[in-house]
C-alpha atoms as a PDB file:
ATOM      1  CA  MET A   1     121.472 105.206 106.925  1.00  0.00           C
ATOM      2  CA  LEU A   2     120.783 106.968 103.596  1.00  0.00           C
ATOM      3  CA  GLY A   3     122.450 110.215 104.667  1.00  0.00           C
ATOM      4  CA  ARG A   4     120.809 113.744 104.206  1.00  0.00           C
ATOM      5  CA  PHE A   5     117.932 113.987 101.703  1.00  0.00           C
ATOM      6  CA  LEU A   6     119.051 115.949  98.643  1.00  0.00           C
ATOM      7  CA  GLU A   7     116.400 116.278  95.856  1.00  0.00           C
ATOM      8  CA  LEU A   8     113.572 114.393  94.204  1.00  0.00           C
ATOM      9  CA  SER A   9     115.391 113.514  90.893  1.00  0.00           C
ATOM     10  CA  VAL A  10     113.235 113.706  87.885  1.00  0.00           C
ATOM     11  CA  ALA A  11     113.929 112.911  84.192  1.00  0.00           C
ATOM     12  CA  THR A  12     112.842 115.432  81.519  1.00  0.00           C
ATOM     13  CA  ASP A  13     113.038 115.364  77.940  1.00  0.00           C
ATOM     14  CA  ASP A  14     112.978 119.276  77.867  1.00  0.00           C
ATOM     15  CA  ILE A  15     114.537 120.740  80.794  1.00  0.00           C
ATOM     16  CA  ARG A  16     113.823 124.435  79.701  1.00  0.00           C
ATOM     17  CA  ALA A  17     109.823 123.657  79.718  1.00  0.00           C
ATOM     18  CA  SER A  18     110.232 121.894  83.014  1.00  0.00           C
ATOM     19  CA  VAL A  19     112.262 124.861  84.610  1.00  0.00           C
ATOM     20  CA  GLU A  20     109.637 127.500  83.235  1.00  0.00           C
ATOM     21  CA  PHE A  21     106.867 125.498  84.781  1.00  0.00           C
ATOM     22  CA  TYR A  22     108.466 125.166  88.279  1.00  0.00           C
ATOM     23  CA  GLU A  23     109.314 129.013  87.995  1.00  0.00           C
ATOM     24  CA  ARG A  24     105.684 129.741  87.278  1.00  0.00           C
ATOM     25  CA  LEU A  25     104.631 127.782  90.218  1.00  0.00           C
ATOM     26  CA  GLY A  26     106.862 130.149  92.216  1.00  0.00           C
ATOM     27  CA  PHE A  27     110.111 127.939  92.778  1.00  0.00           C
ATOM     28  CA  THR A  28     113.482 129.343  92.784  1.00  0.00           C
ATOM     29  CA  GLN A  29     116.601 127.951  90.603  1.00  0.00           C
ATOM     30  CA  CYS A  30     119.681 126.840  92.679  1.00  0.00           C
ATOM     31  CA  VAL A  31     123.393 126.970  91.516  1.00  0.00           C
ATOM     32  CA  THR A  32     124.299 123.527  90.291  1.00  0.00           C
ATOM     33  CA  SER A  33     127.874 122.137  90.252  1.00  0.00           C
ATOM     34  CA  ASP A  34     129.420 120.486  87.040  1.00  0.00           C
ATOM     35  CA  VAL A  35     129.280 116.716  88.316  1.00  0.00           C
ATOM     36  CA  TRP A  36     126.711 115.820  85.721  1.00  0.00           C
ATOM     37  CA  SER A  37     127.546 115.873  81.940  1.00  0.00           C
ATOM     38  CA  HIS A  38     123.728 116.161  81.150  1.00  0.00           C
ATOM     39  CA  PRO A  39     121.829 119.295  81.317  1.00  0.00           C
ATOM     40  CA  TYR A  40     120.724 119.722  85.044  1.00  0.00           C
ATOM     41  CA  GLY A  41     118.744 122.186  87.072  1.00  0.00           C
ATOM     42  CA  VAL A  42     117.478 122.359  90.446  1.00  0.00           C
ATOM     43  CA  LEU A  43     114.437 124.324  91.638  1.00  0.00           C
ATOM     44  CA  THR A  44     113.065 124.700  95.240  1.00  0.00           C
ATOM     45  CA  ASP A  45     110.527 126.445  97.477  1.00  0.00           C
ATOM     46  CA  GLY A  46     112.680 126.024 100.543  1.00  0.00           C
ATOM     47  CA  ARG A  47     111.288 122.585 101.541  1.00  0.00           C
ATOM     48  CA  CYS A  48     110.520 120.881  98.221  1.00  0.00           C
ATOM     49  CA  VAL A  49     113.731 120.275  96.094  1.00  0.00           C
ATOM     50  CA  ILE A  50     113.183 118.973  92.615  1.00  0.00           C
ATOM     51  CA  GLY A  51     116.341 117.932  90.608  1.00  0.00           C
ATOM     52  CA  LEU A  52     115.702 118.099  86.764  1.00  0.00           C
ATOM     53  CA  HIS A  53     117.850 115.806  84.823  1.00  0.00           C
ATOM     54  CA  GLN A  54     117.669 115.857  80.899  1.00  0.00           C
ATOM     55  CA  TYR A  55     118.897 112.407  80.995  1.00  0.00           C
ATOM     56  CA  ARG A  56     117.281 108.867  80.967  1.00  0.00           C
ATOM     57  CA  PHE A  57     117.114 106.993  84.261  1.00  0.00           C
ATOM     58  CA  ALA A  58     114.611 105.298  86.729  1.00  0.00           C
ATOM     59  CA  SER A  59     112.527 108.411  87.528  1.00  0.00           C
ATOM     60  CA  PRO A  60     111.601 109.757  89.937  1.00  0.00           C
ATOM     61  CA  SER A  61     114.353 108.792  92.153  1.00  0.00           C
ATOM     62  CA  LEU A  62     114.562 109.873  95.973  1.00  0.00           C
ATOM     63  CA  THR A  63     118.297 111.103  96.230  1.00  0.00           C
ATOM     64  CA  PHE A  64     120.193 111.338  99.136  1.00  0.00           C
ATOM     65  CA  VAL A  65     123.876 112.415  99.893  1.00  0.00           C
ATOM     66  CA  ARG A  66     126.105 110.166 102.195  1.00  0.00           C
ATOM     67  CA  ALA A  67     129.702 110.767 102.701  1.00  0.00           C
ATOM     68  CA  ARG A  68     132.199 107.936 101.739  1.00  0.00           C
ATOM     69  CA  VAL A  69     129.026 106.100 100.107  1.00  0.00           C
ATOM     70  CA  ALA A  70     131.512 103.435  98.659  1.00  0.00           C
ATOM     71  CA  ARG A  71     132.180 102.304 102.185  1.00  0.00           C
ATOM     72  CA  HIS A  72     128.460 102.305 103.269  1.00  0.00           C
ATOM     73  CA  ILE A  73     126.928 100.188 100.285  1.00  0.00           C
ATOM     74  CA  ALA A  74     127.228  97.033 102.448  1.00  0.00           C
ATOM     75  CA  ALA A  75     125.374  98.491 105.235  1.00  0.00           C
ATOM     76  CA  ILE A  76     122.551  99.494 102.895  1.00  0.00           C
ATOM     77  CA  GLU A  77     122.497  96.118 101.605  1.00  0.00           C
ATOM     78  CA  ALA A  78     122.278  94.506 104.829  1.00  0.00           C
ATOM     79  CA  THR A  79     118.824  96.100 105.178  1.00  0.00           C
ATOM     80  CA  GLY A  80     117.491  93.684 102.538  1.00  0.00           C
ATOM     81  CA  VAL A  81     117.795  95.626  99.385  1.00  0.00           C
ATOM     82  CA  GLU A  82     119.438  94.726  96.327  1.00  0.00           C
ATOM     83  CA  ILE A  83     121.936  97.397  94.799  1.00  0.00           C
ATOM     84  CA  ALA A  84     120.793  98.036  91.253  1.00  0.00           C
ATOM     85  CA  PHE A  85     123.934 100.079  90.137  1.00  0.00           C
ATOM     86  CA  ARG A  86     127.056 101.346  91.627  1.00  0.00           C
ATOM     87  CA  ARG A  87     129.812 103.688  90.355  1.00  0.00           C
ATOM     88  CA  THR A  88     132.563 103.797  92.843  1.00  0.00           C
ATOM     89  CA  GLY A  89     136.374 104.591  92.627  1.00  0.00           C
ATOM     90  CA  ASP A  90     138.898 107.294  92.982  1.00  0.00           C
ATOM     91  CA  GLU A  91     138.228 108.696  89.638  1.00  0.00           C
ATOM     92  CA  VAL A  92     134.637 108.951  89.437  1.00  0.00           C
ATOM     93  CA  PHE A  93     131.732 110.692  91.373  1.00  0.00           C
ATOM     94  CA  ASN A  94     130.627 107.895  93.781  1.00  0.00           C
ATOM     95  CA  GLU A  95     127.055 106.822  93.584  1.00  0.00           C
ATOM     96  CA  ALA A  96     124.729 103.716  94.179  1.00  0.00           C
ATOM     97  CA  GLY A  97     121.349 103.136  93.566  1.00  0.00           C
ATOM     98  CA  PHE A  98     118.497 100.425  94.543  1.00  0.00           C
ATOM     99  CA  ARG A  99     114.649  99.994  94.438  1.00  0.00           C
ATOM    100  CA  ASP A 100     112.849  99.793  97.870  1.00  0.00           C
ATOM    101  CA  PRO A 101     110.570  96.930  98.269  1.00  0.00           C
ATOM    102  CA  THR A 102     107.648  98.770  96.799  1.00  0.00           C
ATOM    103  CA  GLY A 103     109.493  99.228  93.606  1.00  0.00           C
ATOM    104  CA  HIS A 104     110.466 102.964  93.876  1.00  0.00           C
ATOM    105  CA  MET A 105     114.226 104.162  93.000  1.00  0.00           C
ATOM    106  CA  VAL A 106     116.528 105.554  95.714  1.00  0.00           C
ATOM    107  CA  THR A 107     119.984 106.970  94.911  1.00  0.00           C
ATOM    108  CA  VAL A 108     122.801 107.768  97.303  1.00  0.00           C
ATOM    109  CA  LEU A 109     125.621 110.194  96.124  1.00  0.00           C
ATOM    110  CA  GLU A 110     128.867 110.978  97.809  1.00  0.00           C
ATOM    111  CA  ALA A 111     128.413 114.770  97.723  1.00  0.00           C
ATOM    112  CA  ARG A 112     125.896 117.609  96.878  1.00  0.00           C
ATOM    113  CA  THR A 113     125.418 118.485  93.362  1.00  0.00           C
ATOM    114  CA  PHE A 114     124.062 122.092  93.858  1.00  0.00           C
ATOM    115  CA  SER A 115     124.517 124.782  96.229  1.00  0.00           C
ATOM    116  CA  PRO A 116     121.786 125.442  99.025  1.00  0.00           C
ATOM    117  CA  CYS A 117     119.356 128.036  98.255  1.00  0.00           C
ATOM    118  CA  ASP A 118     118.263 130.639 100.566  1.00  0.00           C
ATOM    119  CA  ARG A 119     114.611 130.311 100.408  1.00  0.00           C
ATOM    120  CA  ASP A 120     111.944 129.695 103.008  1.00  0.00           C
ATOM    121  CA  GLN A 121     108.935 131.160 101.188  1.00  0.00           C
ATOM    122  CA  PRO A 122     106.183 128.577  99.975  1.00  0.00           C
ATOM    123  CA  SER A 123     105.567 128.314  96.340  1.00  0.00           C
ATOM    124  CA  LEU A 124     101.921 128.936  94.883  1.00  0.00           C
ATOM    125  CA  CYS A 125     101.423 125.415  95.550  1.00  0.00           C
ATOM    126  CA  GLY A 126     101.493 125.950  99.200  1.00  0.00           C
ATOM    127  CA  GLU A 127     103.277 124.000 101.848  1.00  0.00           C
ATOM    128  CA  LEU A 128     105.027 120.786 101.185  1.00  0.00           C
ATOM    129  CA  ALA A 129     103.191 118.048 103.221  1.00  0.00           C
ATOM    130  CA  GLU A 130     104.887 114.765 101.856  1.00  0.00           C
ATOM    131  CA  TYR A 131     106.200 112.825  98.971  1.00  0.00           C
ATOM    132  CA  SER A 132     103.748 109.998  98.740  1.00  0.00           C
ATOM    133  CA  LEU A 133     104.397 106.634  96.953  1.00  0.00           C
ATOM    134  CA  PRO A 134     102.045 103.866  95.867  1.00  0.00           C
ATOM    135  CA  ALA A 135     102.500 100.714  97.801  1.00  0.00           C
ATOM    136  CA  ARG A 136     100.404  97.525  97.992  1.00  0.00           C
ATOM    137  CA  ASP A 137     102.012  96.490 101.386  1.00  0.00           C
ATOM    138  CA  PHE A 138     102.352  99.277 103.788  1.00  0.00           C
ATOM    139  CA  ALA A 139     103.912  96.827 106.313  1.00  0.00           C
ATOM    140  CA  VAL A 140     106.803  95.830 103.891  1.00  0.00           C
ATOM    141  CA  ALA A 141     107.268  99.730 103.159  1.00  0.00           C
ATOM    142  CA  ARG A 142     107.297 100.453 106.974  1.00  0.00           C
ATOM    143  CA  ARG A 143     109.878  97.930 107.950  1.00  0.00           C
ATOM    144  CA  GLN A 144     112.066  98.764 105.183  1.00  0.00           C
ATOM    145  CA  TRP A 145     112.109 102.598 105.698  1.00  0.00           C
ATOM    146  CA  GLU A 146     112.240 102.203 109.539  1.00  0.00           C
ATOM    147  CA  ALA A 147     115.414 100.214 108.749  1.00  0.00           C
ATOM    148  CA  PHE A 148     116.637 103.527 106.931  1.00  0.00           C
ATOM    149  CA  GLY A 149     115.963 105.589 110.040  1.00  0.00           C
ATOM    150  CA  PHE A 150     112.324 106.930 109.275  1.00  0.00           C
ATOM    151  CA  VAL A 151     109.800 107.042 111.993  1.00  0.00           C
ATOM    152  CA  ALA A 152     106.254 105.865 111.126  1.00  0.00           C
ATOM    153  CA  LEU A 153     103.587 108.148 112.360  1.00  0.00           C
ATOM    154  CA  ALA A 154     100.781 105.854 111.875  1.00  0.00           C
ATOM    155  CA  ASP A 155     100.438 102.021 110.992  1.00  0.00           C
ATOM    156  CA  GLY A 156      98.282 102.796 107.764  1.00  0.00           C
ATOM    157  CA  SER A 157      95.669 100.182 108.857  1.00  0.00           C
ATOM    158  CA  ASP A 158      92.827 102.804 109.106  1.00  0.00           C
ATOM    159  CA  ALA A 159      90.500 103.087 106.207  1.00  0.00           C
ATOM    160  CA  GLU A 160      91.327 106.773 106.413  1.00  0.00           C
ATOM    161  CA  SER A 161      94.465 108.231 107.914  1.00  0.00           C
ATOM    162  CA  ASP A 162      94.449 111.479 110.019  1.00  0.00           C
ATOM    163  CA  ASP A 163      92.301 113.987 108.181  1.00  0.00           C
ATOM    164  CA  THR A 164      93.029 112.684 104.562  1.00  0.00           C
ATOM    165  CA  PRO A 165      90.174 110.836 102.899  1.00  0.00           C
ATOM    166  CA  TRP A 166      92.345 108.052 101.767  1.00  0.00           C
ATOM    167  CA  ARG A 167      94.414 105.310 103.549  1.00  0.00           C
ATOM    168  CA  ARG A 168      97.979 106.329 104.001  1.00  0.00           C
ATOM    169  CA  LEU A 169     101.316 105.388 105.816  1.00  0.00           C
ATOM    170  CA  PRO A 170     103.104 108.736 106.997  1.00  0.00           C
ATOM    171  CA  LEU A 171     106.909 108.387 107.772  1.00  0.00           C
ATOM    172  CA  THR A 172     109.199 111.332 108.852  1.00  0.00           C
ATOM    173  CA  SER A 173     112.797 112.081 109.037  1.00  0.00           C
ATOM    174  CA  ASP A 174     115.020 115.075 109.853  1.00  0.00           C
ATOM    175  CA  HIS A 175     114.822 116.226 106.119  1.00  0.00           C
ATOM    176  CA  LEU A 176     111.986 114.489 104.337  1.00  0.00           C
ATOM    177  CA  ASN A 177     108.266 113.633 105.089  1.00  0.00           C
ATOM    178  CA  LEU A 178     107.463 110.575 103.089  1.00  0.00           C
ATOM    179  CA  ALA A 179     104.188 108.622 102.897  1.00  0.00           C
ATOM    180  CA  PHE A 180     102.687 105.649 101.157  1.00  0.00           C
ATOM    181  CA  HIS A 181      99.347 105.299  99.470  1.00  0.00           C
ATOM    182  CA  THR A 182      97.450 102.411  98.053  1.00  0.00           C
ATOM    183  CA  PRO A 183      97.803 102.135  94.048  1.00  0.00           C
ATOM    184  CA  ARG A 184      93.903 102.148  93.895  1.00  0.00           C
ATOM    185  CA  PHE A 185      93.969 105.711  95.319  1.00  0.00           C
ATOM    186  CA  PHE A 186      96.458 106.726  92.710  1.00  0.00           C
ATOM    187  CA  ALA A 187      98.862 104.658  90.750  1.00  0.00           C
ATOM    188  CA  GLN A 188     101.857 107.120  90.579  1.00  0.00           C
ATOM    189  CA  PRO A 189     104.016 109.005  93.083  1.00  0.00           C
ATOM    190  CA  LEU A 190     102.430 112.276  94.389  1.00  0.00           C
ATOM    191  CA  LEU A 191     103.823 115.509  95.688  1.00  0.00           C
ATOM    192  CA  VAL A 192     101.325 116.649  98.100  1.00  0.00           C
ATOM    193  CA  PHE A 193     100.955 120.457  99.073  1.00  0.00           C
ATOM    194  CA  THR A 194      98.568 121.982 101.503  1.00  0.00           C
ATOM    195  CA  ALA A 195      97.146 125.368 101.630  1.00  0.00           C
ATOM    196  CA  ALA A 196      94.508 127.255 104.166  1.00  0.00           C
ATOM    197  CA  ASP A 197      92.823 128.686 101.231  1.00  0.00           C
ATOM    198  CA  PRO A 198      92.600 125.968  98.639  1.00  0.00           C
ATOM    199  CA  ALA A 199      89.948 128.025  96.344  1.00  0.00           C
ATOM    200  CA  GLY A 200      92.082 130.939  96.321  1.00  0.00           C
ATOM    201  CA  ARG A 201      95.245 128.883  95.482  1.00  0.00           C
ATOM    202  CA  ARG A 202      93.403 127.193  92.603  1.00  0.00           C
ATOM    203  CA  ALA A 203      92.249 130.595  91.342  1.00  0.00           C
ATOM    204  CA  ARG A 204      95.755 131.970  91.124  1.00  0.00           C
ATOM    205  CA  LEU A 205      97.047 128.855  89.473  1.00  0.00           C
ATOM    206  CA  ALA A 206      94.202 129.010  86.928  1.00  0.00           C
ATOM    207  CA  ALA A 207      95.222 132.335  86.142  1.00  0.00           C
ATOM    208  CA  LEU A 208      98.521 131.064  85.074  1.00  0.00           C
ATOM    209  CA  ASP A 209      97.022 128.357  82.979  1.00  0.00           C
ATOM    210  CA  MET A 210      98.218 125.526  84.975  1.00  0.00           C
ATOM    211  CA  PRO A 211      97.141 122.090  83.567  1.00  0.00           C
ATOM    212  CA  PHE A 212      94.744 120.963  86.003  1.00  0.00           C
ATOM    213  CA  ALA A 213      93.560 117.053  85.818  1.00  0.00           C
ATOM    214  CA  ALA A 214      89.986 116.454  84.818  1.00  0.00           C
ATOM    215  CA  ASP A 215      89.612 113.621  87.160  1.00  0.00           C
ATOM    216  CA  LEU A 216      90.911 113.569  90.645  1.00  0.00           C
ATOM    217  CA  PRO A 217      92.136 110.359  92.707  1.00  0.00           C
ATOM    218  CA  ALA A 218      89.517 108.362  94.355  1.00  0.00           C
ATOM    219  CA  ALA A 219      86.902 111.074  93.341  1.00  0.00           C
ATOM    220  CA  LEU A 220      88.221 113.783  95.930  1.00  0.00           C
ATOM    221  CA  ASP A 221      86.164 116.756  96.303  1.00  0.00           C
ATOM    222  CA  PRO A 222      87.307 119.404  93.577  1.00  0.00           C
ATOM    223  CA  GLY A 223      86.368 122.224  95.812  1.00  0.00           C
ATOM    224  CA  HIS A 224      89.103 121.174  98.113  1.00  0.00           C
ATOM    225  CA  TYR A 225      91.435 119.311  96.070  1.00  0.00           C
ATOM    226  CA  ALA A 226      93.234 119.694  92.755  1.00  0.00           C
ATOM    227  CA  LEU A 227      95.821 117.765  90.706  1.00  0.00           C
ATOM    228  CA  ILE A 228      98.561 119.150  88.246  1.00  0.00           C
ATOM    229  CA  GLU A 229     100.931 117.094  86.089  1.00  0.00           C
ATOM    230  CA  SER A 230     104.253 118.689  85.317  1.00  0.00           C
ATOM    231  CA  PRO A 231     105.917 118.719  81.952  1.00  0.00           C
ATOM    232  CA  GLU A 232     107.990 115.620  82.761  1.00  0.00           C
ATOM    233  CA  GLY A 233     104.739 113.741  84.367  1.00  0.00           C
ATOM    234  CA  LEU A 234     105.312 114.200  88.010  1.00  0.00           C
ATOM    235  CA  ALA A 235     101.872 114.458  89.601  1.00  0.00           C
ATOM    236  CA  ILE A 236     101.322 117.428  92.158  1.00  0.00           C
ATOM    237  CA  LEU A 237      98.328 117.054  94.561  1.00  0.00           C
ATOM    238  CA  LEU A 238      97.009 120.142  96.098  1.00  0.00           C
ATOM    239  CA  ALA A 239      95.262 119.360  99.256  1.00  0.00           C
ATOM    240  CA  PRO A 240      93.518 121.659 102.051  1.00  0.00           C
ATOM    241  CA  GLY A 241      95.445 122.480 105.077  1.00  0.00           C
END
């Protein structure tokens, strides 16, 4: 329905500081196109793709690529969402955006904005597990994202989900693992990474002076979990795996 996942688009006031932060974490820069007039950079670890935009917009946004997106907008609207913006025509780069029922921004572009990067080695954060979004109503979130073609791996009704000590609704697709967590657990979106040696990972990141948060969501065990905030405010949760 939405096409292929492209990037997690994030607004930054200082793209140089943001790029340097992700490079310290072990991410690699991709070659970007000249589609955007504002400063733009893309970093990846092979699975996690972060698009940094020195430009004000509803951030962060899950960004997808769908050919002939202008023709496809009606089908997206038919799933029940209201298009927040659209820029279409023969003389412009076609794109459209909307908020899902939980309030999170989703953007669909007509073409890629960077070249694929040959990278399959995890960053110092570990393996990307999922991009997790706060949602008050898991049933509403599930219905909408299943309409987009995602597959729910649980119903999110249990007090705890899988081996995580918080309630979550995991969904998957060909190119993106998505999840929803309760705002009580954490009020912001989370990039969740796992590693088999959480203590060793934390030690390596501490040696790089990474800005660890003093308080963890829902009093998670600091011996196994850690939280980092990027310069642009993106929350990165490091979990055992």
